[in-house]
Amino acid sequence: MKKIIYIDKFKVNMDIQGFYLCKVKQLRTTRAGELYLDLVIQDKTGEVGAKVWDRAEEFSGKFKKGDPLAVRGRVESYQDKLQVVIGRLNKVTPARYSRYGFKEEELVPTSPNDPAKMWADIGNIIKNIKNPYLKQLISDLYRGNKKMLMTLPASISRHYPYRSGYLEHILSLAKVGITLAKHYNADVDLLLAGIFLHAIGKVKELSDSLIPSFTDEGNFLGHTYLSRDMVREGTRKIENFPNDLLTKVEHLIATHEGIYDRRYSSKPKLKEALLLQHIDYLDTRVNLFEQIINEDVEEGDWTSLRNYFSVPLFKGKKK
C-alpha cells in the first residue's frame, strides 16, 4: 500500500488512500433514482464528507457505521468544502491490514499523552496510598478494567472526549487532589479514592468501540450509580472492609456532580467530597477552555463567542 494520507493533509484534486473510520453512513438516492453512499470518514486529524457513486449498494453491504475502512479516492471541492469521491473501499481487520500500517489509534482523536505512561503514573500514585483497604479496592477495580480504561474517553462530547481521555482526566485530578489535600489538611487517601472511583462506572456506561456510545445501562442508570455498584461489589471481595469507610466512598461518588445538582442529597458532607466536586469541575472546564482555543478557526486573537462559555476567549497574540 502507498503512503497513508491523513485528512488534515487533503487538498483539492489529490488522489488519496489510507485508513479511515466510518463516522456516518447513509444509502441515498439521486434525483435520477441512482443509489449512492453518503459518508463522513475520520482519522485522528479530522473528518471529511465522502461519496460513493459507483457500485454503492455493493459497497454498502461490506461495512457499517463505526467500521474502519481502507479507502482510495480523489479529493474534490463541493460547496467550498473538501469531499472525497471514493473509488475503492474495504472493511479493515487488524489481522489483515496491520502489515500495511493500520493502527486503531490513528483513526480517532487521541490523548496527546502516552496511555502506557499515564497508566504507570496512576499505578505509582495508587501504590503510595497508605490505607490498605482503599489501595486494594482501587487496584482491583483498575486492574480488572484495564483494557477499557486504557482507551476510554472521559466523555463523549465534552471534556477529554478522545481516546485515553479518561486516564488523562483522572491523572490530572489525582495530581491536583494530592496538592489540595495537603493544603487543606484533608484525608488524601479518601480523596484519591473518590477521584479514582467516582467515574469508574463509565466502563459500563460507554461502549467499547472506536466511536463510543451510551450502553443500555449507561442510559438507564448513568455512571454515578454504576460506579457505586462496582465499588460495593469490589468491597465484598475484600475481607473486613470497614462499613463506615465504604459509606464515605459512596458519599464521594454520589455527590461528585453536586455543583450541577443543588438537591440536599447531592451536597457534600465531607471535606473530601467538597474538594472532589470542585477539582472535577475545574479540570473539566479548563479542558473545555483549551479545546475551544485549539479548535477555533476565527482569524485574530479571539475565538468566536459561539462556544460552551458563550464569550470570546483570548487566544493570545501571534508572534
Protein backbone atom coordinates (compact mmCIF):
# COMPACT_ATOMS: atom_id res chain seq x y z
CA MET A 1 0.00 0.00 0.00
CA LYS A 2 1.21 3.50 -0.79
CA LYS A 3 1.78 6.21 1.79
CA ILE A 4 -1.18 6.82 4.09
CA ILE A 5 -2.51 10.37 3.79
CA TYR A 6 -4.16 11.96 6.83
CA ILE A 7 -7.29 14.05 6.43
CA ASP A 8 -5.65 17.30 7.54
CA LYS A 9 -3.32 16.97 4.53
CA PHE A 10 -6.12 16.63 1.96
CA LYS A 11 -6.12 19.10 -0.93
CA VAL A 12 -8.38 19.53 -3.95
CA ASN A 13 -7.56 17.17 -6.85
CA MET A 14 -5.36 14.98 -4.62
CA ASP A 15 -5.51 11.20 -5.01
CA ILE A 16 -5.60 9.76 -1.51
CA GLN A 17 -5.54 6.42 0.20
CA GLY A 18 -5.41 5.42 3.82
CA PHE A 19 -7.33 4.05 6.77
CA TYR A 20 -10.34 5.97 7.99
CA LEU A 21 -13.25 5.37 10.36
CA CYS A 22 -16.81 5.48 9.05
CA LYS A 23 -18.50 8.01 11.33
CA VAL A 24 -21.71 8.46 9.30
CA LYS A 25 -23.20 6.14 6.68
CA GLN A 26 -26.37 6.72 4.64
CA LEU A 27 -27.52 4.97 1.48
CA ARG A 28 -29.33 7.62 -0.57
CA THR A 29 -30.97 8.03 -3.97
CA THR A 30 -30.14 10.68 -6.55
CA ARG A 31 -32.84 12.60 -8.40
CA ALA A 32 -32.29 10.21 -11.28
CA GLY A 33 -33.06 7.27 -8.98
CA GLU A 34 -29.48 6.01 -8.67
CA LEU A 35 -28.19 4.78 -5.30
CA TYR A 36 -25.13 6.38 -3.71
CA LEU A 37 -23.40 6.28 -0.34
CA ASP A 38 -23.16 9.48 1.67
CA LEU A 39 -20.43 9.11 4.32
CA VAL A 40 -18.42 11.01 6.87
CA ILE A 41 -14.99 9.48 7.42
CA GLN A 42 -12.47 10.46 10.07
CA ASP A 43 -8.98 9.86 11.40
CA LYS A 44 -7.07 11.33 14.32
CA THR A 45 -6.56 14.62 12.44
CA GLY A 46 -10.14 15.40 11.47
CA GLU A 47 -13.16 14.36 9.42
CA VAL A 48 -14.47 14.89 5.89
CA GLY A 49 -17.53 14.07 3.83
CA ALA A 50 -17.27 11.31 1.23
CA LYS A 51 -19.39 9.88 -1.57
CA VAL A 52 -19.53 6.51 -3.31
CA TRP A 53 -21.27 6.98 -6.65
CA ASP A 54 -20.47 3.66 -8.34
CA ARG A 55 -21.45 0.21 -7.02
CA ALA A 56 -22.94 1.90 -3.95
CA GLU A 57 -25.24 -0.98 -2.98
CA GLU A 58 -22.42 -3.50 -3.33
CA PHE A 59 -20.04 -1.46 -1.20
CA SER A 60 -22.77 -0.73 1.36
CA GLY A 61 -23.03 -4.42 2.19
CA LYS A 62 -19.35 -4.58 3.12
CA PHE A 63 -19.37 -2.35 6.20
CA LYS A 64 -21.42 -0.46 8.74
CA LYS A 65 -21.13 2.77 10.68
CA GLY A 66 -18.23 2.59 13.12
CA ASP A 67 -16.13 0.24 10.99
CA PRO A 68 -12.55 1.10 9.99
CA LEU A 69 -12.11 1.28 6.23
CA ALA A 70 -9.27 1.09 3.72
CA VAL A 71 -10.10 3.80 1.21
CA ARG A 72 -8.87 5.01 -2.17
CA GLY A 73 -10.35 8.11 -3.71
CA ARG A 74 -9.95 11.62 -5.01
CA VAL A 75 -10.45 14.89 -3.14
CA GLU A 76 -12.86 17.38 -4.67
CA SER A 77 -14.43 20.68 -3.60
CA TYR A 78 -18.18 20.83 -3.03
CA GLN A 79 -19.89 23.97 -1.71
CA ASP A 80 -16.49 25.30 -0.62
CA LYS A 81 -15.75 22.18 1.43
CA LEU A 82 -13.49 19.25 0.74
CA GLN A 83 -15.16 16.00 -0.21
CA VAL A 84 -13.75 12.60 -1.13
CA VAL A 85 -15.13 10.65 -4.06
CA ILE A 86 -14.32 7.06 -3.16
CA GLY A 87 -13.32 4.63 -5.88
CA ARG A 88 -12.47 1.62 -3.74
CA LEU A 89 -13.01 0.64 -0.12
CA ASN A 90 -12.81 -2.39 2.12
CA LYS A 91 -13.62 -3.06 5.73
CA VAL A 92 -10.39 -3.32 7.72
CA THR A 93 -9.46 -6.12 10.07
CA PRO A 94 -6.25 -5.70 12.10
CA ALA A 95 -5.07 -9.21 11.23
CA ARG A 96 -5.17 -8.44 7.52
CA TYR A 97 -4.13 -4.80 7.40
CA SER A 98 -1.66 -4.28 10.26
CA ARG A 99 1.17 -5.21 7.87
CA TYR A 100 0.21 -2.16 5.81
CA GLY A 101 0.41 0.23 8.74
CA PHE A 102 -3.12 0.03 10.15
CA LYS A 103 -3.41 1.16 13.79
CA GLU A 104 -6.74 1.73 15.52
CA GLU A 105 -5.42 4.72 17.46
CA GLU A 106 -4.74 6.52 14.16
CA LEU A 107 -8.47 6.63 13.37
CA VAL A 108 -9.74 8.70 16.27
CA PRO A 109 -8.63 11.79 18.20
CA THR A 110 -6.32 10.56 20.93
CA SER A 111 -4.81 11.99 24.09
CA PRO A 112 -1.50 13.73 23.43
CA ASN A 113 -0.10 11.77 26.36
CA ASP A 114 1.11 8.17 26.13
CA PRO A 115 -1.57 5.94 27.74
CA ALA A 116 1.06 3.44 28.97
CA LYS A 117 2.92 6.24 30.74
CA MET A 118 -0.31 7.61 32.24
CA TRP A 119 -1.26 4.12 33.44
CA ALA A 120 2.16 3.75 35.10
CA ASP A 121 1.85 7.18 36.76
CA ILE A 122 -1.60 6.27 38.10
CA GLY A 123 -0.19 2.98 39.37
CA ASN A 124 2.55 4.79 41.28
CA ILE A 125 0.01 7.08 42.95
CA ILE A 126 -2.11 4.08 43.97
CA LYS A 127 0.98 2.35 45.42
CA ASN A 128 1.53 5.32 47.73
CA ILE A 129 -1.98 5.14 49.23
CA LYS A 130 -1.49 4.19 52.87
CA ASN A 131 -4.98 2.88 53.67
CA PRO A 132 -4.74 -0.84 52.74
CA TYR A 133 -8.47 -1.23 52.08
CA LEU A 134 -8.68 1.70 49.70
CA LYS A 135 -5.46 0.71 47.97
CA GLN A 136 -6.74 -2.82 47.33
CA LEU A 137 -10.19 -1.63 46.22
CA ILE A 138 -8.79 0.84 43.69
CA SER A 139 -6.12 -1.59 42.48
CA ASP A 140 -8.62 -4.40 41.97
CA LEU A 141 -11.07 -2.25 40.01
CA TYR A 142 -8.40 -0.66 37.83
CA ARG A 143 -6.58 -3.91 37.07
CA GLY A 144 -9.87 -5.67 36.34
CA ASN A 145 -10.91 -2.98 33.85
CA LYS A 146 -7.52 -2.05 32.41
CA LYS A 147 -8.33 -2.79 28.77
CA MET A 148 -11.31 -0.44 28.77
CA LEU A 149 -9.69 2.23 30.93
CA MET A 150 -6.69 2.49 28.60
CA THR A 151 -8.84 3.70 25.68
CA LEU A 152 -11.95 5.20 27.32
CA PRO A 153 -12.72 8.90 26.74
CA ALA A 154 -13.70 10.92 29.80
CA SER A 155 -16.90 11.93 27.99
CA ILE A 156 -18.43 11.51 24.56
CA SER A 157 -18.65 15.14 23.54
CA ARG A 158 -17.38 17.47 26.28
CA HIS A 159 -14.29 17.18 28.47
CA TYR A 160 -11.46 14.94 27.28
CA PRO A 161 -13.71 13.47 24.55
CA TYR A 162 -10.98 11.43 22.90
CA ARG A 163 -9.26 8.07 23.16
CA SER A 164 -7.49 7.64 26.55
CA GLY A 165 -9.09 10.89 27.75
CA TYR A 166 -10.34 9.17 30.90
CA LEU A 167 -6.80 8.37 32.03
CA GLU A 168 -5.67 11.92 31.27
CA HIS A 169 -8.56 13.40 33.27
CA ILE A 170 -8.14 11.08 36.26
CA LEU A 171 -4.38 11.60 36.40
CA SER A 172 -4.87 15.37 36.30
CA LEU A 173 -7.42 15.17 39.13
CA ALA A 174 -5.10 12.98 41.22
CA LYS A 175 -2.16 15.39 40.90
CA VAL A 176 -4.30 18.36 41.89
CA GLY A 177 -6.02 16.37 44.63
CA ILE A 178 -2.75 15.39 46.33
CA THR A 179 -1.69 19.04 46.48
CA LEU A 180 -5.04 20.35 47.74
CA ALA A 181 -5.49 17.59 50.31
CA LYS A 182 -2.21 18.61 51.91
CA HIS A 183 -3.05 22.30 51.72
CA TYR A 184 -6.49 21.86 53.31
CA ASN A 185 -5.48 19.09 55.73
CA ALA A 186 -7.86 16.59 54.15
CA ASP A 187 -7.65 12.79 54.06
CA VAL A 188 -5.56 12.33 50.90
CA ASP A 189 -6.33 8.59 50.67
CA LEU A 190 -10.07 9.16 50.84
CA LEU A 191 -9.91 11.99 48.31
CA LEU A 192 -7.86 9.83 45.93
CA ALA A 193 -10.40 7.04 46.33
CA GLY A 194 -13.10 9.48 45.28
CA ILE A 195 -11.03 10.65 42.33
CA PHE A 196 -10.20 7.15 41.07
CA LEU A 197 -13.65 5.66 41.67
CA HIS A 198 -16.24 8.43 41.14
CA ALA A 199 -16.49 7.66 37.41
CA ILE A 200 -15.23 4.06 37.23
CA GLY A 201 -18.77 3.15 36.12
CA LYS A 202 -18.01 4.69 32.73
CA VAL A 203 -16.53 1.34 31.75
CA LYS A 204 -20.16 0.15 31.77
CA GLU A 205 -21.80 3.43 30.80
CA LEU A 206 -19.97 3.63 27.46
CA SER A 207 -19.48 1.03 24.75
CA ASP A 208 -16.07 -0.43 23.96
CA SER A 209 -15.85 0.79 20.37
CA LEU A 210 -13.89 3.26 18.28
CA ILE A 211 -16.90 5.59 18.39
CA PRO A 212 -18.18 5.09 21.96
CA SER A 213 -21.89 5.44 22.64
CA PHE A 214 -24.06 5.03 25.70
CA THR A 215 -24.95 1.46 26.62
CA ASP A 216 -28.39 0.49 27.88
CA GLU A 217 -27.00 0.55 31.43
CA GLY A 218 -25.50 3.95 30.77
CA ASN A 219 -28.75 5.41 29.51
CA PHE A 220 -30.87 3.87 32.26
CA LEU A 221 -28.56 4.43 35.24
CA GLY A 222 -25.59 6.66 34.41
CA HIS A 223 -22.03 6.33 35.64
CA THR A 224 -22.70 7.55 39.19
CA TYR A 225 -24.98 4.62 40.08
CA LEU A 226 -22.81 2.20 38.12
CA SER A 227 -19.69 3.42 39.95
CA ARG A 228 -21.33 2.97 43.35
CA ASP A 229 -22.46 -0.55 42.46
CA MET A 230 -18.98 -1.51 41.20
CA VAL A 231 -17.45 -0.22 44.44
CA ARG A 232 -19.96 -2.14 46.56
CA GLU A 233 -19.22 -5.32 44.62
CA GLY A 234 -15.48 -4.69 44.94
CA THR A 235 -15.61 -4.29 48.71
CA ARG A 236 -17.41 -7.64 49.09
CA LYS A 237 -14.25 -9.32 47.80
CA ILE A 238 -12.07 -7.59 50.41
CA GLU A 239 -12.15 -9.22 53.81
CA ASN A 240 -13.33 -6.97 56.66
CA PHE A 241 -13.67 -3.85 54.51
CA PRO A 242 -14.92 -1.24 57.03
CA ASN A 243 -18.57 -0.29 56.53
CA ASP A 244 -18.00 3.30 57.59
CA LEU A 245 -15.22 3.68 55.03
CA LEU A 246 -17.44 2.26 52.29
CA THR A 247 -20.15 4.75 53.22
CA LYS A 248 -17.71 7.65 52.87
CA VAL A 249 -16.50 6.46 49.47
CA GLU A 250 -20.12 6.05 48.35
CA HIS A 251 -20.83 9.60 49.52
CA LEU A 252 -17.99 10.98 47.40
CA ILE A 253 -19.32 9.10 44.37
CA ALA A 254 -22.94 10.12 44.98
CA THR A 255 -22.16 13.84 45.38
CA HIS A 256 -19.36 14.38 42.85
CA GLU A 257 -21.71 16.22 40.46
CA GLY A 258 -23.26 18.31 43.22
CA ILE A 259 -22.15 21.59 41.63
CA TYR A 260 -24.75 20.92 38.94
CA ASP A 261 -27.33 19.38 41.27
CA ARG A 262 -28.49 21.55 44.17
CA ARG A 263 -30.59 18.93 45.94
CA TYR A 264 -29.78 18.33 49.60
CA SER A 265 -28.75 14.74 48.89
CA SER A 266 -26.08 15.96 46.44
CA LYS A 267 -24.44 18.43 48.80
CA PRO A 268 -21.04 17.40 50.21
CA LYS A 269 -20.92 16.46 53.87
CA LEU A 270 -17.21 15.63 53.93
CA LYS A 271 -14.31 17.98 53.18
CA GLU A 272 -13.01 15.42 50.69
CA ALA A 273 -16.39 15.37 48.86
CA LEU A 274 -16.31 19.16 48.58
CA LEU A 275 -12.79 19.06 47.18
CA LEU A 276 -13.69 16.34 44.69
CA GLN A 277 -16.63 18.37 43.39
CA HIS A 278 -14.53 21.46 42.76
CA ILE A 279 -11.44 19.68 41.43
CA ASP A 280 -13.59 17.78 38.93
CA TYR A 281 -15.47 20.94 37.93
CA LEU A 282 -12.26 22.94 37.49
CA ASP A 283 -10.45 20.29 35.48
CA THR A 284 -13.34 19.70 33.08
CA ARG A 285 -13.79 23.44 32.48
CA VAL A 286 -10.10 24.07 31.85
CA ASN A 287 -10.04 21.21 29.35
CA LEU A 288 -13.11 22.62 27.55
CA PHE A 289 -11.46 26.06 27.52
CA GLU A 290 -8.32 24.64 25.91
CA GLN A 291 -10.32 22.65 23.34
CA ILE A 292 -12.20 25.77 22.24
CA ILE A 293 -8.99 27.73 21.74
CA ASN A 294 -7.23 24.88 19.91
CA GLU A 295 -10.15 24.20 17.57
CA ASP A 296 -11.16 27.79 16.83
CA VAL A 297 -10.85 28.84 13.18
CA GLU A 298 -11.56 32.56 13.57
CA GLU A 299 -8.88 34.97 12.44
CA GLY A 300 -7.34 37.22 15.05
CA ASP A 301 -6.55 36.90 18.73
CA TRP A 302 -10.03 35.96 19.97
CA THR A 303 -12.26 32.95 19.43
CA SER A 304 -15.84 33.10 18.26
CA LEU A 305 -18.34 33.63 21.09
CA ARG A 306 -20.29 30.61 19.82
CA ASN A 307 -18.81 28.17 22.29
CA TYR A 308 -19.57 26.45 25.58
CA PHE A 309 -18.81 29.60 27.63
CA SER A 310 -20.73 31.94 25.27
CA VAL A 311 -17.95 34.54 25.32
CA PRO A 312 -14.95 35.13 23.07
CA LEU A 313 -11.81 33.60 24.56
CA PHE A 314 -8.36 35.15 24.21
CA LYS A 315 -6.05 33.01 22.08
CA GLY A 316 -3.01 35.20 22.59
CA LYS A 317 -1.09 37.45 20.29
CA LYS A 318 0.54 35.68 17.40
CA LYS A 319 4.28 36.19 17.30
